[in-house]
Structures are given as structure tokens and as C-alpha cells.
């Protein structure tokens, strides 16, 4: 195929303001993914845009399998409660207890405004 570029599950983008930490969730434009490496702002970083990751969540929440998950773009914590300013990033793949610091999230790879 002459038009094929890449699979797209890993995309190289400029690291956002504040840089990246390997294994953490980031949003660059509408792209959402987990950083493969720790990088300073503006340098290339690979974001893994698909797959299931154990990510920081709002501790005082219980999640059910299939709950839609939203990201706070300031703290990068995930929540299953839609609110203004959050972006839709994936869904829960496991039951998570209240309290718990992290939860299993299947990434969509693309962010969308949370419905309110």
C-alpha cells in the first residue's frame, strides 16, 4: 500500500508543557496516550494510544467494568463522573474499590469533551 504510514498505536509527539514521566497519561491536542519515556517539554515522546493501563484515579470512587472514564487534564487523574472541563479517554476494564489510587483503563487514543 502506497498510502500506509504506520499502525498508529504509538505516536511520536512533542512532549507537553511540564514534560512527561514514563508510564503516565498525557493529552497532546486531541491525542491521549501513556508516555513511553521521560522527556522534557518540546522534545519528541512516544505516546502509546491503545491498550489497558493501570493509571491514577480519583481515590474516593468505585469503578465498575465498562464505566466510561474521564481525565482531569491538570492532574491527569481519571474519574468515572462526567463534569465540565474533563475529557473522555477510555473505559474501566476491572472493578476498582473505593478507596484505591489506581485503576485499569482501556484507552481510546483520542480525547473528547465530557458530556455534562
Protein backbone atom coordinates (compact mmCIF):
# COMPACT_ATOMS: atom_id res chain seq x y z
CA UNK A 1 0.00 0.00 0.00
CA UNK A 2 1.48 3.30 -1.07
CA UNK A 3 -0.53 5.31 1.45
CA UNK A 4 0.26 3.30 4.62
CA UNK A 5 2.34 5.18 7.20
CA UNK A 6 2.18 3.23 10.50
CA UNK A 7 -0.09 1.20 12.80
CA UNK A 8 -0.88 4.29 14.88
CA UNK A 9 -0.97 2.66 18.30
CA UNK A 10 2.25 4.54 19.17
CA UNK A 11 2.57 8.15 18.06
CA UNK A 12 5.57 10.47 18.42
CA UNK A 13 4.54 13.96 19.53
CA UNK A 14 6.26 16.91 21.21
CA UNK A 15 6.22 16.43 24.99
CA UNK A 16 3.64 18.78 26.57
CA UNK A 17 4.38 21.69 28.91
CA UNK A 18 5.97 20.25 32.05
CA UNK A 19 7.41 17.29 30.12
CA UNK A 20 6.48 13.65 30.58
CA UNK A 21 7.15 10.83 33.01
CA UNK A 22 7.30 7.31 31.63
CA UNK A 23 4.10 5.39 32.34
CA UNK A 24 1.93 8.45 32.95
CA UNK A 25 -1.10 9.58 30.93
CA UNK A 26 -0.86 12.74 28.76
CA UNK A 27 -3.01 14.70 26.33
CA UNK A 28 -1.41 16.45 23.36
CA UNK A 29 -4.03 18.14 21.21
CA UNK A 30 -6.76 15.51 20.98
CA UNK A 31 -4.25 12.64 21.26
CA UNK A 32 -4.29 10.77 24.58
CA UNK A 33 -1.67 8.21 25.49
CA UNK A 34 0.80 6.87 28.01
CA UNK A 35 4.35 8.19 27.70
CA UNK A 36 6.93 5.55 26.84
CA UNK A 37 9.80 7.67 28.20
CA UNK A 38 10.51 10.62 30.47
CA UNK A 39 11.12 13.73 28.37
CA UNK A 40 11.37 17.50 28.81
CA UNK A 41 8.73 19.75 27.23
CA UNK A 42 9.02 20.10 23.48
CA UNK A 43 11.22 17.05 22.86
CA UNK A 44 9.80 14.06 20.99
CA UNK A 45 7.99 11.48 23.12
CA UNK A 46 6.18 8.32 22.08
CA UNK A 47 2.63 8.00 23.40
CA UNK A 48 1.01 4.56 23.46
CA UNK A 49 -2.56 5.39 22.47
CA UNK A 50 -4.24 2.00 22.86
CA UNK A 51 -4.16 -0.80 25.38
CA UNK A 52 -5.04 -1.24 29.04
CA UNK A 53 -3.02 0.62 31.66
CA UNK A 54 -3.07 0.90 35.46
CA UNK A 55 -3.46 4.68 35.84
CA UNK A 56 -4.01 7.23 38.60
CA UNK A 57 -7.68 7.54 39.54
CA UNK A 58 -9.78 9.58 41.91
CA UNK A 59 -9.20 7.53 45.06
CA UNK A 60 -12.66 8.06 46.59
CA UNK A 61 -14.50 6.33 43.74
CA UNK A 62 -15.59 2.81 42.97
CA UNK A 63 -15.46 1.79 39.30
CA UNK A 64 -17.41 -0.94 37.55
CA UNK A 65 -16.32 -2.83 34.45
CA UNK A 66 -17.26 -0.76 31.41
CA UNK A 67 -17.56 2.57 33.23
CA UNK A 68 -16.66 5.46 30.92
CA UNK A 69 -13.57 7.28 32.20
CA UNK A 70 -12.67 10.94 32.02
CA UNK A 71 -9.32 12.67 32.54
CA UNK A 72 -8.69 15.83 34.51
CA UNK A 73 -6.17 17.47 32.17
CA UNK A 74 -4.49 19.34 35.05
CA UNK A 75 -3.94 16.44 37.48
CA UNK A 76 -4.21 13.68 34.82
CA UNK A 77 -6.31 11.64 37.32
CA UNK A 78 -9.18 9.57 35.94
CA UNK A 79 -12.76 9.68 37.14
CA UNK A 80 -15.99 7.93 36.18
CA UNK A 81 -18.02 11.10 36.79
CA UNK A 82 -18.58 13.44 33.83
CA UNK A 83 -18.01 17.15 34.51
CA UNK A 84 -17.20 20.32 32.63
CA UNK A 85 -13.51 20.57 31.76
CA UNK A 86 -12.87 16.80 31.76
CA UNK A 87 -12.15 14.77 28.63
CA UNK A 88 -13.34 11.27 27.76
CA UNK A 89 -10.31 8.95 27.37
CA UNK A 90 -11.43 5.34 27.81
CA UNK A 91 -13.26 2.82 29.94
CA UNK A 92 -12.69 0.74 33.05
CA UNK A 93 -11.74 -2.89 32.46
CA UNK A 94 -11.81 -4.03 36.09
CA UNK A 95 -13.80 -3.37 39.24
CA UNK A 96 -11.90 -0.82 41.34
CA UNK A 97 -12.55 -0.22 45.03
CA UNK A 98 -13.16 3.00 46.93
CA UNK A 99 -10.54 3.94 48.03
CA UNK A 100 -7.85 2.96 45.55
CA UNK A 101 -5.09 5.05 43.95
CA UNK A 102 -5.08 3.45 40.50
CA UNK A 103 -7.43 1.70 38.11
CA UNK A 104 -7.33 -0.31 34.88
CA UNK A 105 -8.26 1.83 31.87
CA UNK A 106 -8.56 0.86 28.21
CA UNK A 107 -7.51 3.94 26.26
CA UNK A 108 -9.46 5.26 23.28
CA UNK A 109 -6.42 7.15 21.98
CA UNK A 110 -8.48 10.26 21.32
CA UNK A 111 -9.97 12.70 23.82
CA UNK A 112 -13.44 14.18 23.60
CA UNK A 113 -15.18 16.73 25.85
CA UNK A 114 -17.10 15.12 28.68
CA UNK A 115 -20.87 15.30 28.28
CA UNK A 116 -22.48 17.27 31.08
